[in-house]
């Protein structure tokens, strides 16, 4: 009888520890926005390491290009896809793509404006612990699906890729 009580207490304490380690949605959203803002305001931009038809960009080593067109690139890391869209006619301070975003109640949307650029982060909950994350600067937007624990890291990674993009003349 005592063994069952001890086992039950261990299980409950374990679950509480796991729950305490996971961020709340609000904390995850705020942290993701902070990472985007930090990267947008940073002086240093990742140097491009990949030449494509119309532009060059930085791609992390663990990401592969699986499909590309003149304005779209689909990346993959493991089984996680990332979609990059570039509207070459929009400047970094353009709000065109931002104005096309959904105006639903169940989204997190925040902007970061500088004198040179208009940036945003959009997080939409899709299913239990599955979130659609989009970050953008002007006419460039990148999107992926992730869980709550990875929102911050993914937002930072994606904004670094976007900031590295150099269009060819």
N, C-alpha and C. Protein backbone atom coordinates (compact mmCIF):
# COMPACT_ATOMS: atom_id res chain seq x y z
N UNK A 1 0.82 -1.19 0.00
CA UNK A 1 0.00 0.00 0.00
C UNK A 1 0.87 1.26 0.00
N UNK A 2 1.91 1.28 0.80
CA UNK A 2 2.79 2.44 0.85
C UNK A 2 3.55 2.58 -0.46
N UNK A 3 3.93 1.49 -1.07
CA UNK A 3 4.65 1.54 -2.33
C UNK A 3 3.81 2.22 -3.42
N UNK A 4 2.51 1.96 -3.45
CA UNK A 4 1.64 2.58 -4.44
C UNK A 4 1.54 4.09 -4.21
N UNK A 5 1.48 4.49 -2.94
CA UNK A 5 1.40 5.91 -2.62
C UNK A 5 2.68 6.63 -3.05
N UNK A 6 3.81 6.01 -2.77
CA UNK A 6 5.10 6.61 -3.14
C UNK A 6 5.21 6.69 -4.66
N UNK A 7 4.83 5.62 -5.35
CA UNK A 7 4.86 5.63 -6.82
C UNK A 7 3.96 6.73 -7.37
N UNK A 8 2.77 6.86 -6.82
CA UNK A 8 1.82 7.89 -7.25
C UNK A 8 2.40 9.28 -7.04
N UNK A 9 3.04 9.52 -5.89
CA UNK A 9 3.64 10.82 -5.60
C UNK A 9 4.79 11.12 -6.56
N UNK A 10 5.58 10.12 -6.88
CA UNK A 10 6.69 10.30 -7.82
C UNK A 10 6.15 10.69 -9.20
N UNK A 11 5.10 10.01 -9.64
CA UNK A 11 4.50 10.32 -10.95
C UNK A 11 3.95 11.74 -10.96
N UNK A 12 3.23 12.12 -9.92
CA UNK A 12 2.65 13.47 -9.85
C UNK A 12 3.75 14.52 -9.82
N UNK A 13 4.78 14.31 -9.01
CA UNK A 13 5.89 15.27 -8.97
C UNK A 13 6.60 15.37 -10.31
N UNK A 14 6.77 14.25 -10.99
CA UNK A 14 7.39 14.26 -12.32
C UNK A 14 6.58 15.07 -13.31
N UNK A 15 5.26 14.89 -13.28
CA UNK A 15 4.39 15.65 -14.18
C UNK A 15 4.43 17.14 -13.87
N UNK A 16 4.47 17.47 -12.59
CA UNK A 16 4.56 18.88 -12.21
C UNK A 16 5.87 19.51 -12.66
N UNK A 17 6.94 18.75 -12.58
CA UNK A 17 8.24 19.28 -13.02
C UNK A 17 8.24 19.52 -14.53
N UNK A 18 7.67 18.60 -15.29
CA UNK A 18 7.61 18.78 -16.73
C UNK A 18 6.74 19.98 -17.09
N UNK A 19 5.60 20.11 -16.43
CA UNK A 19 4.71 21.25 -16.70
C UNK A 19 5.37 22.56 -16.32
N UNK A 20 6.14 22.57 -15.25
CA UNK A 20 6.80 23.80 -14.81
C UNK A 20 7.91 24.22 -15.77
N UNK A 21 8.50 23.28 -16.49
CA UNK A 21 9.60 23.60 -17.40
C UNK A 21 9.11 24.15 -18.73
N UNK A 22 7.90 23.83 -19.13
CA UNK A 22 7.36 24.30 -20.40
C UNK A 22 6.84 25.72 -20.24
N UNK A 23 7.13 26.58 -21.21
CA UNK A 23 6.63 27.96 -21.10
C UNK A 23 5.14 28.03 -21.38
N UNK A 24 4.48 29.04 -20.83
CA UNK A 24 3.09 29.29 -21.19
C UNK A 24 3.07 29.85 -22.60
N UNK A 25 1.90 29.89 -23.22
CA UNK A 25 1.80 30.48 -24.56
C UNK A 25 2.29 31.92 -24.55
N UNK A 26 1.85 32.69 -23.56
CA UNK A 26 2.23 34.10 -23.50
C UNK A 26 3.75 34.26 -23.37
N UNK A 27 4.36 33.43 -22.53
CA UNK A 27 5.82 33.49 -22.37
C UNK A 27 6.53 33.12 -23.67
N UNK A 28 6.05 32.07 -24.33
CA UNK A 28 6.66 31.63 -25.58
C UNK A 28 6.51 32.70 -26.66
N UNK A 29 5.34 33.31 -26.74
CA UNK A 29 5.10 34.38 -27.73
C UNK A 29 6.02 35.56 -27.47
N UNK A 30 6.09 35.97 -26.22
CA UNK A 30 6.92 37.11 -25.85
C UNK A 30 8.40 36.84 -26.13
N UNK A 31 8.84 35.64 -25.81
CA UNK A 31 10.24 35.29 -26.05
C UNK A 31 10.54 35.25 -27.55
N UNK A 32 9.62 34.71 -28.34
CA UNK A 32 9.80 34.67 -29.79
C UNK A 32 9.88 36.09 -30.35
N UNK A 33 9.01 36.97 -29.88
CA UNK A 33 9.05 38.36 -30.35
C UNK A 33 10.38 39.02 -29.96
N UNK A 34 10.85 38.75 -28.76
CA UNK A 34 12.13 39.31 -28.31
C UNK A 34 13.28 38.86 -29.20
N UNK A 35 13.28 37.59 -29.60
CA UNK A 35 14.34 37.06 -30.47
C UNK A 35 14.29 37.73 -31.84
N UNK A 36 13.08 37.93 -32.36
CA UNK A 36 12.94 38.60 -33.66
C UNK A 36 13.41 40.05 -33.54
N UNK A 37 12.97 40.74 -32.52
CA UNK A 37 13.36 42.14 -32.32
C UNK A 37 14.87 42.26 -32.18
N UNK A 38 15.46 41.39 -31.39
CA UNK A 38 16.91 41.38 -31.19
C UNK A 38 17.65 41.20 -32.51
N UNK A 39 17.18 40.28 -33.33
CA UNK A 39 17.83 40.02 -34.62
C UNK A 39 17.61 41.16 -35.60
N UNK A 40 16.42 41.76 -35.58
CA UNK A 40 16.13 42.88 -36.49
C UNK A 40 17.00 44.08 -36.14
N UNK A 41 17.20 44.32 -34.86
CA UNK A 41 17.96 45.49 -34.42
C UNK A 41 19.47 45.25 -34.41
N UNK A 42 19.91 44.02 -34.58
CA UNK A 42 21.34 43.71 -34.55
C UNK A 42 22.06 44.36 -35.72
N UNK A 43 23.26 44.80 -35.45
CA UNK A 43 24.08 45.40 -36.51
C UNK A 43 24.62 44.35 -37.46
N UNK A 44 24.90 43.19 -36.94
CA UNK A 44 25.53 42.15 -37.73
C UNK A 44 24.47 41.29 -38.43
N UNK A 45 24.71 41.01 -39.70
CA UNK A 45 23.82 40.17 -40.51
C UNK A 45 24.63 38.95 -40.94
N UNK A 46 23.98 37.78 -40.91
CA UNK A 46 24.66 36.56 -41.35
C UNK A 46 25.08 36.70 -42.80
N UNK A 47 26.28 36.28 -43.10
CA UNK A 47 26.79 36.34 -44.46
C UNK A 47 26.16 35.23 -45.29
N UNK A 48 25.76 35.55 -46.51
CA UNK A 48 25.13 34.54 -47.36
C UNK A 48 26.12 33.42 -47.68
N UNK A 49 25.58 32.21 -47.78
CA UNK A 49 26.40 31.04 -48.11
C UNK A 49 25.79 30.21 -49.23
N UNK A 50 24.72 30.75 -49.85
CA UNK A 50 24.05 30.02 -50.93
C UNK A 50 23.60 31.01 -52.00
N UNK A 51 23.96 30.71 -53.24
CA UNK A 51 23.55 31.54 -54.38
C UNK A 51 22.37 30.86 -55.07
N UNK A 52 21.28 31.58 -55.24
CA UNK A 52 20.13 31.08 -55.99
C UNK A 52 19.97 31.95 -57.23
N UNK A 53 18.95 31.68 -58.00
CA UNK A 53 18.77 32.37 -59.28
C UNK A 53 18.67 33.89 -59.12
N UNK A 54 17.81 34.37 -58.23
CA UNK A 54 17.56 35.80 -58.12
C UNK A 54 18.13 36.46 -56.87
N UNK A 55 18.67 35.65 -55.96
CA UNK A 55 19.19 36.21 -54.71
C UNK A 55 20.15 35.23 -54.05
N UNK A 56 20.88 35.75 -53.07
CA UNK A 56 21.75 34.91 -52.25
C UNK A 56 21.26 35.04 -50.81
N UNK A 57 21.58 34.03 -49.99
CA UNK A 57 21.13 34.05 -48.62
C UNK A 57 21.94 33.10 -47.76
N UNK A 58 21.78 33.25 -46.45
CA UNK A 58 22.39 32.34 -45.50
C UNK A 58 21.42 31.20 -45.23
N UNK A 59 21.92 29.97 -45.28
CA UNK A 59 21.13 28.80 -44.93
C UNK A 59 21.91 28.01 -43.88
N UNK A 60 21.30 27.71 -42.73
CA UNK A 60 22.00 26.89 -41.74
C UNK A 60 22.39 25.54 -42.35
N UNK A 61 23.49 24.98 -41.86
CA UNK A 61 24.03 23.73 -42.42
C UNK A 61 23.04 22.58 -42.40
N UNK A 62 22.18 22.52 -41.41
CA UNK A 62 21.26 21.40 -41.28
C UNK A 62 19.98 21.55 -42.12
N UNK A 63 19.87 22.64 -42.89
CA UNK A 63 18.72 22.86 -43.76
C UNK A 63 19.08 22.55 -45.20
N UNK A 64 18.12 21.96 -45.90
CA UNK A 64 18.31 21.66 -47.32
C UNK A 64 17.22 22.33 -48.13
N UNK A 65 17.56 22.77 -49.33
CA UNK A 65 16.56 23.29 -50.25
C UNK A 65 15.94 22.09 -50.96
N UNK A 66 14.61 21.98 -50.88
CA UNK A 66 13.95 20.86 -51.56
C UNK A 66 13.17 21.30 -52.79
N UNK A 67 12.90 22.61 -52.89
CA UNK A 67 12.22 23.14 -54.06
C UNK A 67 12.46 24.63 -54.12
N UNK A 68 12.65 25.16 -55.34
CA UNK A 68 12.84 26.60 -55.46
C UNK A 68 12.26 27.13 -56.76
N UNK A 69 11.80 28.35 -56.67
CA UNK A 69 11.30 29.07 -57.83
C UNK A 69 11.89 30.47 -57.77
N UNK A 70 11.46 31.35 -58.64
CA UNK A 70 12.03 32.70 -58.65
C UNK A 70 11.68 33.51 -57.40
N UNK A 71 10.54 33.22 -56.74
CA UNK A 71 10.14 33.98 -55.56
C UNK A 71 9.86 33.11 -54.34
N UNK A 72 9.94 31.81 -54.47
CA UNK A 72 9.67 30.90 -53.35
C UNK A 72 10.79 29.89 -53.20
N UNK A 73 11.08 29.54 -51.95
CA UNK A 73 12.03 28.48 -51.67
C UNK A 73 11.43 27.65 -50.53
N UNK A 74 11.47 26.33 -50.70
CA UNK A 74 11.04 25.44 -49.63
C UNK A 74 12.28 24.74 -49.10
N UNK A 75 12.49 24.90 -47.81
CA UNK A 75 13.62 24.29 -47.11
C UNK A 75 13.08 23.14 -46.27
N UNK A 76 13.98 22.27 -45.87
CA UNK A 76 13.60 21.22 -44.95
C UNK A 76 14.76 20.91 -44.03
N UNK A 77 14.44 20.72 -42.77
CA UNK A 77 15.40 20.24 -41.78
C UNK A 77 14.76 19.01 -41.15
N UNK A 78 15.34 17.86 -41.40
CA UNK A 78 14.68 16.63 -40.96
C UNK A 78 13.35 16.51 -41.68
N UNK A 79 12.26 16.44 -40.93
CA UNK A 79 10.95 16.39 -41.56
C UNK A 79 10.18 17.71 -41.41
N UNK A 80 10.87 18.76 -40.97
CA UNK A 80 10.22 20.06 -40.78
C UNK A 80 10.45 20.97 -41.99
N UNK A 81 9.35 21.35 -42.67
CA UNK A 81 9.50 22.26 -43.82
C UNK A 81 9.44 23.74 -43.41
N UNK A 82 10.09 24.56 -44.22
CA UNK A 82 10.08 26.02 -44.07
C UNK A 82 9.79 26.58 -45.46
N UNK A 83 8.92 27.58 -45.54
CA UNK A 83 8.60 28.20 -46.81
C UNK A 83 9.04 29.65 -46.76
N UNK A 84 9.83 30.05 -47.75
CA UNK A 84 10.30 31.42 -47.87
C UNK A 84 9.65 32.04 -49.10
N UNK A 85 9.06 33.20 -48.93
CA UNK A 85 8.44 33.93 -50.03
C UNK A 85 9.08 35.30 -50.14
N UNK A 86 9.45 35.67 -51.36
CA UNK A 86 10.07 36.97 -51.59
C UNK A 86 9.30 37.72 -52.67
N UNK A 87 8.77 38.88 -52.30
CA UNK A 87 8.14 39.77 -53.27
C UNK A 87 9.18 40.85 -53.57
N UNK A 88 9.87 40.68 -54.68
CA UNK A 88 10.98 41.57 -55.02
C UNK A 88 10.56 43.01 -55.27
N UNK A 89 9.27 43.25 -55.42
CA UNK A 89 8.80 44.60 -55.70
C UNK A 89 8.51 45.40 -54.42
N UNK A 90 8.59 44.73 -53.27
CA UNK A 90 8.32 45.40 -52.00
C UNK A 90 9.62 45.70 -51.28
N UNK A 91 9.72 46.88 -50.75
CA UNK A 91 10.90 47.33 -50.01
C UNK A 91 10.86 46.79 -48.57
N UNK A 92 11.99 46.85 -47.86
CA UNK A 92 12.01 46.37 -46.47
C UNK A 92 11.03 47.09 -45.54
N UNK A 93 10.64 48.31 -45.87
CA UNK A 93 9.69 49.02 -45.02
C UNK A 93 8.24 48.87 -45.49
N UNK A 94 8.01 48.03 -46.49
CA UNK A 94 6.67 47.80 -47.01
C UNK A 94 5.80 47.06 -45.98
N UNK A 95 4.53 47.40 -45.96
CA UNK A 95 3.58 46.72 -45.09
C UNK A 95 2.59 45.87 -45.90
N UNK A 96 2.86 45.67 -47.18
CA UNK A 96 1.94 44.94 -48.04
C UNK A 96 1.65 43.53 -47.53
N UNK A 97 2.69 42.72 -47.30
CA UNK A 97 2.46 41.35 -46.82
C UNK A 97 1.81 41.35 -45.43
N UNK A 98 2.23 42.26 -44.59
CA UNK A 98 1.65 42.38 -43.25
C UNK A 98 0.15 42.66 -43.35
N UNK A 99 -0.24 43.53 -44.26
CA UNK A 99 -1.66 43.86 -44.41
C UNK A 99 -2.49 42.71 -44.96
N UNK A 100 -1.85 41.68 -45.50
CA UNK A 100 -2.55 40.51 -46.01
C UNK A 100 -2.75 39.43 -44.94
N UNK A 101 -2.18 39.63 -43.76
CA UNK A 101 -2.25 38.63 -42.69
C UNK A 101 -3.67 38.53 -42.14
N UNK A 102 -4.03 37.37 -41.59
CA UNK A 102 -5.39 37.19 -41.06
C UNK A 102 -5.64 38.06 -39.83
N UNK A 103 -6.88 38.47 -39.68
CA UNK A 103 -7.27 39.27 -38.52
C UNK A 103 -8.19 38.44 -37.63
N UNK A 104 -7.70 37.31 -37.19
CA UNK A 104 -8.48 36.41 -36.34
C UNK A 104 -8.18 36.71 -34.88
N UNK A 105 -9.09 36.30 -34.01
CA UNK A 105 -8.90 36.50 -32.58
C UNK A 105 -7.80 35.63 -32.01
N UNK A 106 -7.63 34.45 -32.55
CA UNK A 106 -6.71 33.48 -31.97
C UNK A 106 -5.32 33.52 -32.61
N UNK A 107 -4.83 34.71 -32.84
CA UNK A 107 -3.47 34.84 -33.38
C UNK A 107 -2.68 35.80 -32.50
N UNK A 108 -1.39 35.62 -32.53
CA UNK A 108 -0.49 36.57 -31.89
C UNK A 108 0.21 37.30 -33.02
N UNK A 109 0.11 38.60 -33.03
CA UNK A 109 0.70 39.40 -34.08
C UNK A 109 1.37 40.60 -33.45
N UNK A 110 2.64 40.80 -33.79
CA UNK A 110 3.38 41.93 -33.25
C UNK A 110 4.31 42.48 -34.32
N UNK A 111 4.56 43.76 -34.26
CA UNK A 111 5.41 44.41 -35.25
C UNK A 111 6.62 45.06 -34.60
N UNK A 112 7.65 45.23 -35.40
CA UNK A 112 8.87 45.92 -34.99
C UNK A 112 9.20 46.87 -36.14
N UNK A 113 9.20 48.17 -35.86
CA UNK A 113 9.50 49.14 -36.90
C UNK A 113 10.81 49.87 -36.60
N UNK A 114 11.62 49.99 -37.64
CA UNK A 114 12.83 50.80 -37.56
C UNK A 114 12.73 51.82 -38.69
N UNK A 115 13.70 52.68 -38.81
CA UNK A 115 13.68 53.66 -39.89
C UNK A 115 13.84 52.99 -41.25
N UNK A 116 14.47 51.81 -41.28
CA UNK A 116 14.75 51.12 -42.54
C UNK A 116 13.82 49.97 -42.87
N UNK A 117 13.11 49.42 -41.86
CA UNK A 117 12.36 48.18 -42.11
C UNK A 117 11.11 48.07 -41.25
N UNK A 118 10.16 47.32 -41.78
CA UNK A 118 8.94 46.97 -41.07
C UNK A 118 8.94 45.46 -40.91
N UNK A 119 9.00 44.99 -39.68
CA UNK A 119 9.09 43.55 -39.40
C UNK A 119 7.89 43.12 -38.58
N UNK A 120 7.58 41.84 -38.66
CA UNK A 120 6.46 41.32 -37.88
C UNK A 120 6.69 39.84 -37.56
N UNK A 121 5.95 39.40 -36.54
CA UNK A 121 5.90 37.99 -36.17
C UNK A 121 4.42 37.64 -36.00
N UNK A 122 4.03 36.53 -36.58
CA UNK A 122 2.66 36.04 -36.52
C UNK A 122 2.70 34.60 -36.02
N UNK A 123 1.93 34.31 -34.97
CA UNK A 123 1.85 32.96 -34.43
C UNK A 123 0.37 32.57 -34.38
N UNK A 124 0.06 31.46 -35.02
CA UNK A 124 -1.31 30.96 -35.03
C UNK A 124 -1.33 29.53 -34.50
N UNK A 125 -2.15 29.28 -33.49
CA UNK A 125 -2.28 27.93 -32.96
C UNK A 125 -3.13 27.12 -33.94
N UNK A 126 -2.62 25.99 -34.36
CA UNK A 126 -3.33 25.15 -35.32
C UNK A 126 -3.98 23.93 -34.68
N UNK A 127 -3.21 23.22 -33.88
CA UNK A 127 -3.72 22.05 -33.16
C UNK A 127 -3.07 22.04 -31.79
N UNK A 128 -3.34 21.01 -31.01
CA UNK A 128 -2.73 20.91 -29.69
C UNK A 128 -1.20 20.94 -29.83
N UNK A 129 -0.58 21.95 -29.27
CA UNK A 129 0.86 22.16 -29.30
C UNK A 129 1.45 22.17 -30.70
N UNK A 130 0.71 22.70 -31.66
CA UNK A 130 1.22 22.90 -33.02
C UNK A 130 0.87 24.33 -33.44
N UNK A 131 1.90 25.07 -33.81
CA UNK A 131 1.76 26.49 -34.11
C UNK A 131 2.34 26.79 -35.47
N UNK A 132 1.65 27.65 -36.22
CA UNK A 132 2.19 28.16 -37.47
C UNK A 132 2.89 29.46 -37.14
N UNK A 133 4.16 29.53 -37.47
CA UNK A 133 4.99 30.69 -37.16
C UNK A 133 5.41 31.35 -38.46
N UNK A 134 5.14 32.64 -38.58
CA UNK A 134 5.59 33.42 -39.74
C UNK A 134 6.32 34.65 -39.23
N UNK A 135 7.46 34.93 -39.85
CA UNK A 135 8.18 36.17 -39.57
C UNK A 135 8.45 36.84 -40.91
N UNK A 136 8.46 38.15 -40.90
CA UNK A 136 8.67 38.85 -42.15
C UNK A 136 9.30 40.20 -41.97
N UNK A 137 9.94 40.64 -43.04
CA UNK A 137 10.47 42.00 -43.15
C UNK A 137 10.07 42.50 -44.53
N UNK A 138 9.26 43.54 -44.56
CA UNK A 138 8.81 44.10 -45.84
C UNK A 138 8.17 43.05 -46.71
N UNK A 139 8.74 42.83 -47.90
CA UNK A 139 8.18 41.88 -48.86
C UNK A 139 8.72 40.47 -48.75
N UNK A 140 9.37 40.14 -47.64
CA UNK A 140 9.93 38.80 -47.45
C UNK A 140 9.27 38.17 -46.23
N UNK A 141 8.83 36.92 -46.39
CA UNK A 141 8.16 36.22 -45.30
C UNK A 141 8.61 34.77 -45.28
N UNK A 142 8.80 34.23 -44.07
CA UNK A 142 9.16 32.83 -43.91
C UNK A 142 8.22 32.21 -42.90
N UNK A 143 7.78 30.97 -43.20
CA UNK A 143 6.78 30.29 -42.37
C UNK A 143 7.19 28.85 -42.10
N UNK A 144 6.85 28.36 -40.91
CA UNK A 144 7.04 26.95 -40.56
C UNK A 144 5.99 26.56 -39.54
N UNK A 145 5.91 25.27 -39.26
CA UNK A 145 5.08 24.74 -38.18
C UNK A 145 6.03 24.28 -37.08
N UNK A 146 5.68 24.57 -35.83
CA UNK A 146 6.54 24.18 -34.71
C UNK A 146 5.69 24.00 -33.46
N UNK A 147 6.34 23.58 -32.39
CA UNK A 147 5.63 23.46 -31.12
C UNK A 147 5.98 24.65 -30.23
N UNK A 148 5.31 24.74 -29.11
CA UNK A 148 5.46 25.88 -28.22
C UNK A 148 6.90 26.03 -27.72
N UNK A 149 7.55 24.91 -27.43
CA UNK A 149 8.91 24.95 -26.90
C UNK A 149 9.94 25.47 -27.90
N UNK A 150 9.64 25.43 -29.19
CA UNK A 150 10.62 25.82 -30.21
C UNK A 150 10.27 27.13 -30.92
N UNK A 151 9.20 27.81 -30.52
CA UNK A 151 8.82 29.06 -31.17
C UNK A 151 9.96 30.08 -31.17
N UNK A 152 10.59 30.24 -30.05
CA UNK A 152 11.64 31.24 -29.90
C UNK A 152 12.83 30.93 -30.81
N UNK A 153 13.34 29.70 -30.74
CA UNK A 153 14.50 29.33 -31.56
C UNK A 153 14.18 29.42 -33.05
N UNK A 154 13.00 28.96 -33.44
CA UNK A 154 12.62 29.00 -34.86
C UNK A 154 12.48 30.44 -35.35
N UNK A 155 11.89 31.30 -34.54
CA UNK A 155 11.73 32.70 -34.97
C UNK A 155 13.09 33.36 -35.16
N UNK A 156 14.02 33.07 -34.27
CA UNK A 156 15.37 33.64 -34.38
C UNK A 156 16.07 33.11 -35.64
N UNK A 157 15.97 31.83 -35.88
CA UNK A 157 16.61 31.22 -37.06
C UNK A 157 16.03 31.81 -38.35
N UNK A 158 14.71 31.93 -38.41
CA UNK A 158 14.07 32.41 -39.63
C UNK A 158 14.37 33.89 -39.91
N UNK A 159 14.39 34.72 -38.88
CA UNK A 159 14.67 36.14 -39.12
C UNK A 159 16.12 36.33 -39.54
N UNK A 160 17.03 35.50 -39.07
CA UNK A 160 18.43 35.58 -39.52
C UNK A 160 18.53 35.23 -41.00
N UNK A 161 17.78 34.25 -41.44
CA UNK A 161 17.77 33.88 -42.86
C UNK A 161 17.23 35.04 -43.68
N UNK A 162 16.11 35.59 -43.26
CA UNK A 162 15.48 36.71 -44.00
C UNK A 162 16.43 37.90 -44.09
N UNK A 163 17.06 38.25 -42.99
CA UNK A 163 17.96 39.41 -42.99
C UNK A 163 19.18 39.21 -43.88
N UNK A 164 19.55 37.96 -44.15
CA UNK A 164 20.74 37.69 -44.96
C UNK A 164 20.49 37.82 -46.46
N UNK A 165 19.24 37.88 -46.87
CA UNK A 165 18.89 37.86 -48.29
C UNK A 165 19.40 39.12 -49.02
N UNK A 166 20.10 38.85 -50.13
CA UNK A 166 20.58 39.93 -50.99
C UNK A 166 20.09 39.64 -52.40
N UNK A 167 19.27 40.53 -52.91
CA UNK A 167 18.76 40.36 -54.26
C UNK A 167 19.86 40.70 -55.27
N UNK A 168 19.88 39.94 -56.35
CA UNK A 168 20.86 40.19 -57.41
C UNK A 168 20.34 41.29 -58.30
N UNK A 169 21.23 42.11 -58.75
CA UNK A 169 20.85 43.24 -59.62
C UNK A 169 20.82 42.86 -61.07
